[in-house]
Amino acid sequence: MNLGEYGKTAESKTAAFLRKRGYAVIKRNYSCRFGEIDIIAEKGEYIVFVEVKARSTDSIVSPKEAVDAVKRQKILLTAKDYITKTETELQPRFDVADVRISKTEDGRTVYSLNYITNAF
């Protein structure tokens, strides 16, 4: 599996996690000139913009640390673009899915999800 496939799998696992918890996943991989948002979901009074970051367990930088100030700014601008185009009146919230990838001794790939609500 290449890096892009790991990322897509992490996004799919995060979307499934959200659905199990009652979220409606509205859009995946929304992009505009400002950037991209991995998952846009709704639950109750919230529209939730989710950044999914996946890293191997031996990575120097954790997935949540990879969502730095520059990345957060791009997400905020992209979310504003989405809200403007859809005219949603829901309260925006920004979450991060911190996904760790490891291999078992028998070669299976394991994904561990730490979901951070109101990450920024």
PDB file of N, CA and C in Angstrom:
ATOM      1  N   MET A   1       0.848  -1.175   0.000  1.00  0.00           N
ATOM      2  CA  MET A   1       0.000   0.000   0.000  1.00  0.00           C
ATOM      3  C   MET A   1       0.893   1.237   0.000  1.00  0.00           C
ATOM      4  N   ASN A   2       0.534   2.231  -0.818  1.00  0.00           N
ATOM      5  CA  ASN A   2       1.322   3.463  -0.825  1.00  0.00           C
ATOM      6  C   ASN A   2       0.718   4.481   0.137  1.00  0.00           C
ATOM      7  N   LEU A   3       1.411   5.601   0.321  1.00  0.00           N
ATOM      8  CA  LEU A   3       0.973   6.612   1.287  1.00  0.00           C
ATOM      9  C   LEU A   3      -0.427   7.135   1.012  1.00  0.00           C
ATOM     10  N   GLY A   4      -0.751   7.367  -0.245  1.00  0.00           N
ATOM     11  CA  GLY A   4      -2.080   7.855  -0.599  1.00  0.00           C
ATOM     12  C   GLY A   4      -3.172   6.876  -0.205  1.00  0.00           C
ATOM     13  N   GLU A   5      -2.901   5.591  -0.376  1.00  0.00           N
ATOM     14  CA  GLU A   5      -3.885   4.568  -0.006  1.00  0.00           C
ATOM     15  C   GLU A   5      -4.083   4.515   1.503  1.00  0.00           C
ATOM     16  N   TYR A   6      -3.004   4.694   2.270  1.00  0.00           N
ATOM     17  CA  TYR A   6      -3.130   4.741   3.733  1.00  0.00           C
ATOM     18  C   TYR A   6      -4.019   5.913   4.141  1.00  0.00           C
ATOM     19  N   GLY A   7      -3.818   7.065   3.500  1.00  0.00           N
ATOM     20  CA  GLY A   7      -4.612   8.251   3.802  1.00  0.00           C
ATOM     21  C   GLY A   7      -6.083   8.053   3.468  1.00  0.00           C
ATOM     22  N   LYS A   8      -6.366   7.465   2.304  1.00  0.00           N
ATOM     23  CA  LYS A   8      -7.756   7.203   1.905  1.00  0.00           C
ATOM     24  C   LYS A   8      -8.418   6.235   2.884  1.00  0.00           C
ATOM     25  N   THR A   9      -7.675   5.212   3.296  1.00  0.00           N
ATOM     26  CA  THR A   9      -8.218   4.254   4.255  1.00  0.00           C
ATOM     27  C   THR A   9      -8.490   4.938   5.593  1.00  0.00           C
ATOM     28  N   ALA A  10      -7.585   5.800   6.028  1.00  0.00           N
ATOM     29  CA  ALA A  10      -7.782   6.538   7.285  1.00  0.00           C
ATOM     30  C   ALA A  10      -9.022   7.422   7.189  1.00  0.00           C
ATOM     31  N   GLU A  11      -9.239   8.063   6.047  1.00  0.00           N
ATOM     32  CA  GLU A  11     -10.433   8.881   5.852  1.00  0.00           C
ATOM     33  C   GLU A  11     -11.702   8.024   5.893  1.00  0.00           C
ATOM     34  N   SER A  12     -11.668   6.881   5.239  1.00  0.00           N
ATOM     35  CA  SER A  12     -12.833   5.987   5.233  1.00  0.00           C
ATOM     36  C   SER A  12     -13.152   5.483   6.633  1.00  0.00           C
ATOM     37  N   LYS A  13     -12.124   5.142   7.389  1.00  0.00           N
ATOM     38  CA  LYS A  13     -12.336   4.674   8.766  1.00  0.00           C
ATOM     39  C   LYS A  13     -12.891   5.801   9.640  1.00  0.00           C
ATOM     40  N   THR A  14     -12.429   7.022   9.419  1.00  0.00           N
ATOM     41  CA  THR A  14     -12.946   8.162  10.171  1.00  0.00           C
ATOM     42  C   THR A  14     -14.401   8.432   9.808  1.00  0.00           C
ATOM     43  N   ALA A  15     -14.745   8.361   8.531  1.00  0.00           N
ATOM     44  CA  ALA A  15     -16.131   8.565   8.103  1.00  0.00           C
ATOM     45  C   ALA A  15     -17.041   7.508   8.731  1.00  0.00           C
ATOM     46  N   ALA A  16     -16.591   6.260   8.760  1.00  0.00           N
ATOM     47  CA  ALA A  16     -17.381   5.185   9.390  1.00  0.00           C
ATOM     48  C   ALA A  16     -17.544   5.448  10.885  1.00  0.00           C
ATOM     49  N   PHE A  17     -16.478   5.901  11.538  1.00  0.00           N
ATOM     50  CA  PHE A  17     -16.512   6.251  12.965  1.00  0.00           C
ATOM     51  C   PHE A  17     -17.580   7.310  13.219  1.00  0.00           C
ATOM     52  N   LEU A  18     -17.610   8.333  12.372  1.00  0.00           N
ATOM     53  CA  LEU A  18     -18.578   9.413  12.526  1.00  0.00           C
ATOM     54  C   LEU A  18     -20.010   8.914  12.317  1.00  0.00           C
ATOM     55  N   ARG A  19     -20.215   8.128  11.269  1.00  0.00           N
ATOM     56  CA  ARG A  19     -21.559   7.598  11.003  1.00  0.00           C
ATOM     57  C   ARG A  19     -22.073   6.768  12.176  1.00  0.00           C
ATOM     58  N   LYS A  20     -21.203   5.965  12.769  1.00  0.00           N
ATOM     59  CA  LYS A  20     -21.597   5.139  13.918  1.00  0.00           C
ATOM     60  C   LYS A  20     -22.043   5.997  15.095  1.00  0.00           C
ATOM     61  N   ARG A  21     -21.557   7.220  15.147  1.00  0.00           N
ATOM     62  CA  ARG A  21     -21.891   8.124  16.246  1.00  0.00           C
ATOM     63  C   ARG A  21     -22.986   9.124  15.879  1.00  0.00           C
ATOM     64  N   GLY A  22     -23.694   8.845  14.797  1.00  0.00           N
ATOM     65  CA  GLY A  22     -24.856   9.648  14.441  1.00  0.00           C
ATOM     66  C   GLY A  22     -24.607  10.858  13.568  1.00  0.00           C
ATOM     67  N   TYR A  23     -23.409  11.010  13.055  1.00  0.00           N
ATOM     68  CA  TYR A  23     -23.114  12.120  12.150  1.00  0.00           C
ATOM     69  C   TYR A  23     -23.584  11.761  10.736  1.00  0.00           C
ATOM     70  N   ALA A  24     -24.017  12.761  10.009  1.00  0.00           N
ATOM     71  CA  ALA A  24     -24.297  12.595   8.586  1.00  0.00           C
ATOM     72  C   ALA A  24     -23.085  13.141   7.837  1.00  0.00           C
ATOM     73  N   VAL A  25     -22.394  12.270   7.128  1.00  0.00           N
ATOM     74  CA  VAL A  25     -21.240  12.707   6.345  1.00  0.00           C
ATOM     75  C   VAL A  25     -21.786  13.299   5.051  1.00  0.00           C
ATOM     76  N   ILE A  26     -21.585  14.594   4.881  1.00  0.00           N
ATOM     77  CA  ILE A  26     -22.160  15.326   3.754  1.00  0.00           C
ATOM     78  C   ILE A  26     -21.237  15.339   2.539  1.00  0.00           C
ATOM     79  N   LYS A  27     -19.961  15.498   2.808  1.00  0.00           N
ATOM     80  CA  LYS A  27     -18.999  15.676   1.718  1.00  0.00           C
ATOM     81  C   LYS A  27     -17.641  15.153   2.155  1.00  0.00           C
ATOM     82  N   ARG A  28     -16.954  14.554   1.203  1.00  0.00           N
ATOM     83  CA  ARG A  28     -15.567  14.147   1.436  1.00  0.00           C
ATOM     84  C   ARG A  28     -14.689  14.826   0.395  1.00  0.00           C
ATOM     85  N   ASN A  29     -13.528  15.251   0.838  1.00  0.00           N
ATOM     86  CA  ASN A  29     -12.531  15.871  -0.026  1.00  0.00           C
ATOM     87  C   ASN A  29     -13.070  17.108  -0.758  1.00  0.00           C
ATOM     88  N   TYR A  30     -13.666  17.997   0.021  1.00  0.00           N
ATOM     89  CA  TYR A  30     -14.129  19.271  -0.535  1.00  0.00           C
ATOM     90  C   TYR A  30     -12.914  20.150  -0.775  1.00  0.00           C
ATOM     91  N   SER A  31     -12.809  20.678  -1.988  1.00  0.00           N
ATOM     92  CA  SER A  31     -11.664  21.545  -2.268  1.00  0.00           C
ATOM     93  C   SER A  31     -12.107  22.803  -3.005  1.00  0.00           C
ATOM     94  N   CYS A  32     -11.331  23.822  -2.796  1.00  0.00           N
ATOM     95  CA  CYS A  32     -11.512  25.104  -3.471  1.00  0.00           C
ATOM     96  C   CYS A  32     -10.117  25.711  -3.604  1.00  0.00           C
ATOM     97  N   ARG A  33     -10.049  26.951  -4.001  1.00  0.00           N
ATOM     98  CA  ARG A  33      -8.731  27.574  -4.229  1.00  0.00           C
ATOM     99  C   ARG A  33      -7.916  27.732  -2.952  1.00  0.00           C
ATOM    100  N   PHE A  34      -8.569  27.659  -1.781  1.00  0.00           N
ATOM    101  CA  PHE A  34      -7.853  27.852  -0.518  1.00  0.00           C
ATOM    102  C   PHE A  34      -7.240  26.564   0.028  1.00  0.00           C
ATOM    103  N   GLY A  35      -7.826  25.430  -0.319  1.00  0.00           N
ATOM    104  CA  GLY A  35      -7.325  24.172   0.202  1.00  0.00           C
ATOM    105  C   GLY A  35      -8.370  23.077   0.118  1.00  0.00           C
ATOM    106  N   GLU A  36      -8.233  22.089   1.005  1.00  0.00           N
ATOM    107  CA  GLU A  36      -9.116  20.933   0.990  1.00  0.00           C
ATOM    108  C   GLU A  36      -9.518  20.560   2.414  1.00  0.00           C
ATOM    109  N   ILE A  37     -10.746  20.085   2.552  1.00  0.00           N
ATOM    110  CA  ILE A  37     -11.223  19.552   3.822  1.00  0.00           C
ATOM    111  C   ILE A  37     -11.571  18.090   3.580  1.00  0.00           C
ATOM    112  N   ASP A  38     -11.042  17.220   4.425  1.00  0.00           N
ATOM    113  CA  ASP A  38     -11.205  15.782   4.224  1.00  0.00           C
ATOM    114  C   ASP A  38     -12.652  15.326   4.374  1.00  0.00           C
ATOM    115  N   ILE A  39     -13.299  15.742   5.447  1.00  0.00           N
ATOM    116  CA  ILE A  39     -14.680  15.306   5.704  1.00  0.00           C
ATOM    117  C   ILE A  39     -15.490  16.496   6.227  1.00  0.00           C
ATOM    118  N   ILE A  40     -16.682  16.647   5.690  1.00  0.00           N
ATOM    119  CA  ILE A  40     -17.645  17.610   6.219  1.00  0.00           C
ATOM    120  C   ILE A  40     -18.853  16.799   6.665  1.00  0.00           C
ATOM    121  N   ALA A  41     -19.240  16.980   7.928  1.00  0.00           N
ATOM    122  CA  ALA A  41     -20.346  16.212   8.494  1.00  0.00           C
ATOM    123  C   ALA A  41     -21.267  17.139   9.273  1.00  0.00           C
ATOM    124  N   GLU A  42     -22.461  16.644   9.552  1.00  0.00           N
ATOM    125  CA  GLU A  42     -23.418  17.395  10.351  1.00  0.00           C
ATOM    126  C   GLU A  42     -23.941  16.516  11.469  1.00  0.00           C
ATOM    127  N   LYS A  43     -24.158  17.151  12.611  1.00  0.00           N
ATOM    128  CA  LYS A  43     -24.810  16.488  13.732  1.00  0.00           C
ATOM    129  C   LYS A  43     -25.384  17.573  14.630  1.00  0.00           C
ATOM    130  N   GLY A  44     -26.702  17.485  14.883  1.00  0.00           N
ATOM    131  CA  GLY A  44     -27.349  18.488  15.713  1.00  0.00           C
ATOM    132  C   GLY A  44     -27.196  19.865  15.113  1.00  0.00           C
ATOM    133  N   GLU A  45     -26.739  20.801  15.941  1.00  0.00           N
ATOM    134  CA  GLU A  45     -26.599  22.177  15.475  1.00  0.00           C
ATOM    135  C   GLU A  45     -25.247  22.466  14.827  1.00  0.00           C
ATOM    136  N   TYR A  46     -24.423  21.438  14.636  1.00  0.00           N
ATOM    137  CA  TYR A  46     -23.062  21.635  14.139  1.00  0.00           C
ATOM    138  C   TYR A  46     -22.853  21.156  12.708  1.00  0.00           C
ATOM    139  N   ILE A  47     -22.056  21.936  11.983  1.00  0.00           N
ATOM    140  CA  ILE A  47     -21.434  21.457  10.758  1.00  0.00           C
ATOM    141  C   ILE A  47     -19.974  21.263  11.141  1.00  0.00           C
ATOM    142  N   VAL A  48     -19.469  20.074  10.921  1.00  0.00           N
ATOM    143  CA  VAL A  48     -18.155  19.698  11.427  1.00  0.00           C
ATOM    144  C   VAL A  48     -17.190  19.518  10.261  1.00  0.00           C
ATOM    145  N   PHE A  49     -16.085  20.234  10.328  1.00  0.00           N
ATOM    146  CA  PHE A  49     -15.027  20.135   9.335  1.00  0.00           C
ATOM    147  C   PHE A  49     -13.912  19.301   9.952  1.00  0.00           C
ATOM    148  N   VAL A  50     -13.633  18.157   9.347  1.00  0.00           N
ATOM    149  CA  VAL A  50     -12.704  17.194   9.936  1.00  0.00           C
ATOM    150  C   VAL A  50     -11.448  17.076   9.083  1.00  0.00           C
ATOM    151  N   GLU A  51     -10.320  17.299   9.709  1.00  0.00           N
ATOM    152  CA  GLU A  51      -9.017  17.060   9.082  1.00  0.00           C
ATOM    153  C   GLU A  51      -8.534  15.696   9.550  1.00  0.00           C
ATOM    154  N   VAL A  52      -8.276  14.809   8.610  1.00  0.00           N
ATOM    155  CA  VAL A  52      -7.775  13.474   8.924  1.00  0.00           C
ATOM    156  C   VAL A  52      -6.281  13.457   8.655  1.00  0.00           C
ATOM    157  N   LYS A  53      -5.511  13.140   9.687  1.00  0.00           N
ATOM    158  CA  LYS A  53      -4.060  13.026   9.539  1.00  0.00           C
ATOM    159  C   LYS A  53      -3.636  11.641   9.994  1.00  0.00           C
ATOM    160  N   ALA A  54      -2.893  10.963   9.153  1.00  0.00           N
ATOM    161  CA  ALA A  54      -2.411   9.620   9.468  1.00  0.00           C
ATOM    162  C   ALA A  54      -0.891   9.589   9.419  1.00  0.00           C
ATOM    163  N   ARG A  55      -0.318   8.911  10.384  1.00  0.00           N
ATOM    164  CA  ARG A  55       1.129   8.740  10.461  1.00  0.00           C
ATOM    165  C   ARG A  55       1.423   7.352  11.029  1.00  0.00           C
ATOM    166  N   SER A  56       2.585   6.831  10.703  1.00  0.00           N
ATOM    167  CA  SER A  56       2.995   5.559  11.304  1.00  0.00           C
ATOM    168  C   SER A  56       3.334   5.805  12.769  1.00  0.00           C
ATOM    169  N   THR A  57       3.235   4.774  13.561  1.00  0.00           N
ATOM    170  CA  THR A  57       3.478   4.922  14.997  1.00  0.00           C
ATOM    171  C   THR A  57       4.920   5.338  15.295  1.00  0.00           C
ATOM    172  N   ASP A  58       5.838   5.096  14.380  1.00  0.00           N
ATOM    173  CA  ASP A  58       7.232   5.488  14.621  1.00  0.00           C
ATOM    174  C   ASP A  58       7.592   6.836  13.997  1.00  0.00           C
ATOM    175  N   SER A  59       6.590   7.577  13.536  1.00  0.00           N
ATOM    176  CA  SER A  59       6.819   8.893  12.947  1.00  0.00           C
ATOM    177  C   SER A  59       7.286   9.872  14.022  1.00  0.00           C
ATOM    178  N   ILE A  60       8.134  10.789  13.653  1.00  0.00           N
ATOM    179  CA  ILE A  60       8.654  11.786  14.591  1.00  0.00           C
ATOM    180  C   ILE A  60       7.556  12.767  14.996  1.00  0.00           C
ATOM    181  N   VAL A  61       6.697  13.140  14.050  1.00  0.00           N
ATOM    182  CA  VAL A  61       5.617  14.086  14.298  1.00  0.00           C
ATOM    183  C   VAL A  61       4.305  13.324  14.385  1.00  0.00           C
ATOM    184  N   SER A  62       3.528  13.600  15.420  1.00  0.00           N
ATOM    185  CA  SER A  62       2.231  12.942  15.556  1.00  0.00           C
ATOM    186  C   SER A  62       1.262  13.523  14.532  1.00  0.00           C
ATOM    187  N   PRO A  63       0.207  12.789  14.202  1.00  0.00           N
ATOM    188  CA  PRO A  63      -0.763  13.318  13.241  1.00  0.00           C
ATOM    189  C   PRO A  63      -1.349  14.663  13.663  1.00  0.00           C
ATOM    190  N   LYS A  64      -1.729  14.799  14.930  1.00  0.00           N
ATOM    191  CA  LYS A  64      -2.344  16.073  15.349  1.00  0.00           C
ATOM    192  C   LYS A  64      -1.342  17.226  15.295  1.00  0.00           C
ATOM    193  N   GLU A  65      -0.056  16.955  15.519  1.00  0.00           N
ATOM    194  CA  GLU A  65       0.966  18.005  15.429  1.00  0.00           C
ATOM    195  C   GLU A  65       1.167  18.475  13.991  1.00  0.00           C
ATOM    196  N   ALA A  66       0.814  17.613  13.035  1.00  0.00           N
ATOM    197  CA  ALA A  66       0.961  17.960  11.622  1.00  0.00           C
ATOM    198  C   ALA A  66      -0.090  18.978  11.171  1.00  0.00           C
ATOM    199  N   VAL A  67      -1.111  19.196  11.996  1.00  0.00           N
ATOM    200  CA  VAL A  67      -2.120  20.209  11.681  1.00  0.00           C
ATOM    201  C   VAL A  67      -1.641  21.518  12.316  1.00  0.00           C
ATOM    202  N   ASP A  68      -0.683  22.125  11.638  1.00  0.00           N
ATOM    203  CA  ASP A  68      -0.038  23.330  12.166  1.00  0.00           C
ATOM    204  C   ASP A  68      -0.847  24.587  11.831  1.00  0.00           C
ATOM    205  N   ALA A  69      -0.317  25.736  12.189  1.00  0.00           N
ATOM    206  CA  ALA A  69      -1.024  27.008  12.001  1.00  0.00           C
ATOM    207  C   ALA A  69      -1.351  27.276  10.530  1.00  0.00           C
ATOM    208  N   VAL A  70      -0.444  26.947   9.639  1.00  0.00           N
ATOM    209  CA  VAL A  70      -0.679  27.163   8.207  1.00  0.00           C
ATOM    210  C   VAL A  70      -1.820  26.274   7.727  1.00  0.00           C
ATOM    211  N   LYS A  71      -1.808  25.009   8.124  1.00  0.00           N
ATOM    212  CA  LYS A  71      -2.858  24.067   7.736  1.00  0.00           C
ATOM    213  C   LYS A  71      -4.199  24.504   8.318  1.00  0.00           C
ATOM    214  N   ARG A  72      -4.214  24.920   9.568  1.00  0.00           N
ATOM    215  CA  ARG A  72      -5.461  25.381  10.199  1.00  0.00           C
ATOM    216  C   ARG A  72      -6.035  26.584   9.447  1.00  0.00           C
ATOM    217  N   GLN A  73      -5.184  27.513   9.042  1.00  0.00           N
ATOM    218  CA  GLN A  73      -5.642  28.696   8.306  1.00  0.00           C
ATOM    219  C   GLN A  73      -6.276  28.281   6.976  1.00  0.00           C
ATOM    220  N   LYS A  74      -5.664  27.341   6.283  1.00  0.00           N
ATOM    221  CA  LYS A  74      -6.222  26.859   5.015  1.00  0.00           C
ATOM    222  C   LYS A  74      -7.586  26.194   5.245  1.00  0.00           C
ATOM    223  N   ILE A  75      -7.690  25.422   6.308  1.00  0.00           N
ATOM    224  CA  ILE A  75      -8.960  24.761   6.627  1.00  0.00           C
ATOM    225  C   ILE A  75     -10.028  25.805   6.933  1.00  0.00           C
ATOM    226  N   LEU A  76      -9.690  26.825   7.710  1.00  0.00           N
ATOM    227  CA  LEU A  76     -10.648  27.876   8.045  1.00  0.00           C
ATOM    228  C   LEU A  76     -11.143  28.601   6.786  1.00  0.00           C
ATOM    229  N   LEU A  77     -10.239  28.945   5.893  1.00  0.00           N
ATOM    230  CA  LEU A  77     -10.633  29.626   4.656  1.00  0.00           C
ATOM    231  C   LEU A  77     -11.488  28.723   3.768  1.00  0.00           C
ATOM    232  N   THR A  78     -11.140  27.447   3.701  1.00  0.00           N
ATOM    233  CA  THR A  78     -11.902  26.492   2.898  1.00  0.00           C
ATOM    234  C   THR A  78     -13.296  26.290   3.494  1.00  0.00           C
ATOM    235  N   ALA A  79     -13.379  26.213   4.824  1.00  0.00           N
ATOM    236  CA  ALA A  79     -14.674  26.074   5.489  1.00  0.00           C
ATOM    237  C   ALA A  79     -15.547  27.299   5.226  1.00  0.00           C
ATOM    238  N   LYS A  80     -14.942  28.471   5.287  1.00  0.00           N
ATOM    239  CA  LYS A  80     -15.688  29.714   5.014  1.00  0.00           C
ATOM    240  C   LYS A  80     -16.232  29.694   3.593  1.00  0.00           C
ATOM    241  N   ASP A  81     -15.429  29.224   2.646  1.00  0.00           N
ATOM    242  CA  ASP A  81     -15.867  29.093   1.260  1.00  0.00           C
ATOM    243  C   ASP A  81     -17.073  28.155   1.169  1.00  0.00           C
ATOM    244  N   TYR A  82     -16.992  27.014   1.849  1.00  0.00           N
ATOM    245  CA  TYR A  82     -18.086  26.037   1.829  1.00  0.00           C
ATOM    246  C   TYR A  82     -19.360  26.629   2.444  1.00  0.00           C
ATOM    247  N   ILE A  83     -19.223  27.274   3.583  1.00  0.00           N
ATOM    248  CA  ILE A  83     -20.379  27.858   4.272  1.00  0.00           C
ATOM    249  C   ILE A  83     -21.033  28.933   3.399  1.00  0.00           C
ATOM    250  N   THR A  84     -20.225  29.746   2.752  1.00  0.00           N
ATOM    251  CA  THR A  84     -20.743  30.798   1.885  1.00  0.00           C
ATOM    252  C   THR A  84     -21.520  30.208   0.705  1.00  0.00           C
ATOM    253  N   LYS A  85     -20.970  29.163   0.103  1.00  0.00           N
ATOM    254  CA  LYS A  85     -21.613  28.557  -1.072  1.00  0.00           C
ATOM    255  C   LYS A  85     -22.878  27.781  -0.717  1.00  0.00           C
ATOM    256  N   THR A  86     -22.917  27.168   0.462  1.00  0.00           N
ATOM    257  CA  THR A  86     -24.070  26.345   0.836  1.00  0.00           C
ATOM    258  C   THR A  86     -25.081  27.101   1.688  1.00  0.00           C
ATOM    259  N   GLU A  87     -24.682  28.260   2.193  1.00  0.00           N
ATOM    260  CA  GLU A  87     -25.535  29.099   3.032  1.00  0.00           C
ATOM    261  C   GLU A  87     -26.065  28.359   4.264  1.00  0.00           C
ATOM    262  N   THR A  88     -25.262  27.460   4.804  1.00  0.00           N
ATOM    263  CA  THR A  88     -25.667  26.745   6.008  1.00  0.00           C
ATOM    264  C   THR A  88     -25.698  27.696   7.194  1.00  0.00           C
ATOM    265  N   GLU A  89     -26.618  27.448   8.096  1.00  0.00           N
ATOM    266  CA  GLU A  89     -26.716  28.254   9.312  1.00  0.00           C
ATOM    267  C   GLU A  89     -26.272  27.474  10.544  1.00  0.00           C
ATOM    268  N   LEU A  90     -25.697  26.305  10.321  1.00  0.00           N
ATOM    269  CA  LEU A  90     -25.215  25.495  11.436  1.00  0.00           C
ATOM    270  C   LEU A  90     -23.937  26.092  12.012  1.00  0.00           C
ATOM    271  N   GLN A  91     -23.698  25.816  13.271  1.00  0.00           N
ATOM    272  CA  GLN A  91     -22.497  26.289  13.965  1.00  0.00           C
ATOM    273  C   GLN A  91     -21.285  25.478  13.490  1.00  0.00           C
ATOM    274  N   PRO A  92     -20.253  26.126  12.967  1.00  0.00           N
ATOM    275  CA  PRO A  92     -19.077  25.376  12.524  1.00  0.00           C
ATOM    276  C   PRO A  92     -18.238  24.881  13.706  1.00  0.00           C
ATOM    277  N   ARG A  93     -17.647  23.708  13.508  1.00  0.00           N
ATOM    278  CA  ARG A  93     -16.733  23.121  14.491  1.00  0.00           C
ATOM    279  C   ARG A  93     -15.606  22.461  13.713  1.00  0.00           C
ATOM    280  N   PHE A  94     -14.415  22.499  14.287  1.00  0.00           N
ATOM    281  CA  PHE A  94     -13.236  21.963  13.606  1.00  0.00           C
ATOM    282  C   PHE A  94     -12.626  20.846  14.448  1.00  0.00           C
ATOM    283  N   ASP A  95     -12.648  19.641  13.893  1.00  0.00           N
ATOM    284  CA  ASP A  95     -12.149  18.453  14.572  1.00  0.00           C
ATOM    285  C   ASP A  95     -10.951  17.891  13.817  1.00  0.00           C
ATOM    286  N   VAL A  96     -10.157  17.088  14.513  1.00  0.00           N
ATOM    287  CA  VAL A  96      -9.021  16.403  13.898  1.00  0.00           C
ATOM    288  C   VAL A  96      -9.115  14.922  14.216  1.00  0.00           C
ATOM    289  N   ALA A  97      -8.941  14.115  13.187  1.00  0.00           N
ATOM    290  CA  ALA A  97      -8.847  12.668  13.361  1.00  0.00           C
ATOM    291  C   ALA A  97      -7.369  12.314  13.297  1.00  0.00           C
ATOM    292  N   ASP A  98      -6.822  11.942  14.446  1.00  0.00           N
ATOM    293  CA  ASP A  98      -5.410  11.584  14.606  1.00  0.00           C
ATOM    294  C   ASP A  98      -5.327  10.065  14.441  1.00  0.00           C
ATOM    295  N   VAL A  99      -4.825   9.617  13.296  1.00  0.00           N
ATOM    296  CA  VAL A  99      -4.811   8.189  12.976  1.00  0.00           C
ATOM    297  C   VAL A  99      -3.376   7.673  12.997  1.00  0.00           C
ATOM    298  N   ARG A 100      -3.147   6.645  13.809  1.00  0.00           N
ATOM    299  CA  ARG A 100      -1.823   5.998  13.889  1.00  0.00           C
ATOM    300  C   ARG A 100      -1.876   4.676  13.137  1.00  0.00           C
ATOM    301  N   ILE A 101      -0.861   4.439  12.334  1.00  0.00           N
ATOM    302  CA  ILE A 101      -0.802   3.223  11.524  1.00  0.00           C
ATOM    303  C   ILE A 101       0.372   2.373  11.999  1.00  0.00           C
ATOM    304  N   SER A 102       0.081   1.109  12.249  1.00  0.00           N
ATOM    305  CA  SER A 102       1.148   0.186  12.651  1.00  0.00           C
ATOM    306  C   SER A 102       0.952  -1.152  11.949  1.00  0.00           C
ATOM    307  N   LYS A 103       1.978  -1.965  12.013  1.00  0.00           N
ATOM    308  CA  LYS A 103       1.938  -3.308  11.432  1.00  0.00           C
ATOM    309  C   LYS A 103       2.052  -4.329  12.558  1.00  0.00           C
ATOM    310  N   THR A 104       1.271  -5.393  12.449  1.00  0.00           N
ATOM    311  CA  THR A 104       1.370  -6.484  13.411  1.00  0.00           C
ATOM    312  C   THR A 104       2.504  -7.408  12.974  1.00  0.00           C
ATOM    313  N   GLU A 105       2.860  -8.329  13.844  1.00  0.00           N
ATOM    314  CA  GLU A 105       3.944  -9.266  13.508  1.00  0.00           C
ATOM    315  C   GLU A 105       3.619 -10.113  12.290  1.00  0.00           C
ATOM    316  N   ASP A 106       2.335 -10.366  12.069  1.00  0.00           N
ATOM    317  CA  ASP A 106       1.954 -11.176  10.907  1.00  0.00           C
ATOM    318  C   ASP A 106       1.724 -10.325   9.648  1.00  0.00           C
ATOM    319  N   GLY A 107       2.060  -9.010   9.709  1.00  0.00           N
ATOM    320  CA  GLY A 107       2.026  -8.155   8.537  1.00  0.00           C
ATOM    321  C   GLY A 107       0.730  -7.399   8.306  1.00  0.00           C
ATOM    322  N   ARG A 108      -0.258  -7.556   9.179  1.00  0.00           N
ATOM    323  CA  ARG A 108      -1.510  -6.814   9.026  1.00  0.00           C
ATOM    324  C   ARG A 108      -1.310  -5.343   9.386  1.00  0.00           C
ATOM    325  N   THR A 109      -2.038  -4.474   8.713  1.00  0.00           N
ATOM    326  CA  THR A 109      -1.999  -3.048   9.007  1.00  0.00           C
ATOM    327  C   THR A 109      -3.108  -2.729  10.001  1.00  0.00           C
ATOM    328  N   VAL A 110      -2.753  -2.006  11.062  1.00  0.00           N
ATOM    329  CA  VAL A 110      -3.710  -1.644  12.105  1.00  0.00           C
ATOM    330  C   VAL A 110      -3.814  -0.122  12.169  1.00  0.00           C
ATOM    331  N   TYR A 111      -5.048   0.371  12.211  1.00  0.00           N
ATOM    332  CA  TYR A 111      -5.320   1.805  12.308  1.00  0.00           C
ATOM    333  C   TYR A 111      -5.909   2.092  13.685  1.00  0.00           C
ATOM    334  N   SER A 112      -5.323   3.052  14.397  1.00  0.00           N
ATOM    335  CA  SER A 112      -5.845   3.488  15.698  1.00  0.00           C
ATOM    336  C   SER A 112      -6.275   4.933  15.559  1.00  0.00           C
ATOM    337  N   LEU A 113      -7.526   5.219  15.933  1.00  0.00           N
ATOM    338  CA  LEU A 113      -8.081   6.552  15.761  1.00  0.00           C
ATOM    339  C   LEU A 113      -8.250   7.251  17.096  1.00  0.00           C
ATOM    340  N   ASN A 114      -7.689   8.453  17.182  1.00  0.00           N
ATOM    341  CA  ASN A 114      -7.910   9.344  18.312  1.00  0.00           C
ATOM    342  C   ASN A 114      -8.652  10.549  17.736  1.00  0.00           C
ATOM    343  N   TYR A 115      -9.949  10.660  18.054  1.00  0.00           N
ATOM    344  CA  TYR A 115     -10.768  11.714  17.478  1.00  0.00           C
ATOM    345  C   TYR A 115     -10.803  12.902  18.432  1.00  0.00           C
ATOM    346  N   ILE A 116     -10.390  14.066  17.932  1.00  0.00           N
ATOM    347  CA  ILE A 116     -10.286  15.270  18.766  1.00  0.00           C
ATOM    348  C   ILE A 116     -11.384  16.261  18.356  1.00  0.00           C
ATOM    349  N   THR A 117     -12.351  16.441  19.239  1.00  0.00           N
ATOM    350  CA  THR A 117     -13.454  17.370  19.020  1.00  0.00           C
ATOM    351  C   THR A 117     -12.998  18.781  19.395  1.00  0.00           C
ATOM    352  N   ASN A 118     -13.427  19.776  18.630  1.00  0.00           N
ATOM    353  CA  ASN A 118     -13.031  21.166  18.864  1.00  0.00           C
ATOM    354  C   ASN A 118     -11.515  21.313  18.946  1.00  0.00           C
ATOM    355  N   ALA A 119     -10.841  20.741  17.977  1.00  0.00           N
ATOM    356  CA  ALA A 119      -9.369  20.737  17.979  1.00  0.00           C
ATOM    357  C   ALA A 119      -8.785  22.139  17.853  1.00  0.00           C
ATOM    358  N   PHE A 120      -9.485  23.009  17.145  1.00  0.00           N
ATOM    359  CA  PHE A 120      -9.026  24.404  17.012  1.00  0.00           C
ATOM    360  C   PHE A 120     -10.184  25.303  16.685  1.00  0.00           C
TER     361      PHE A 120
END
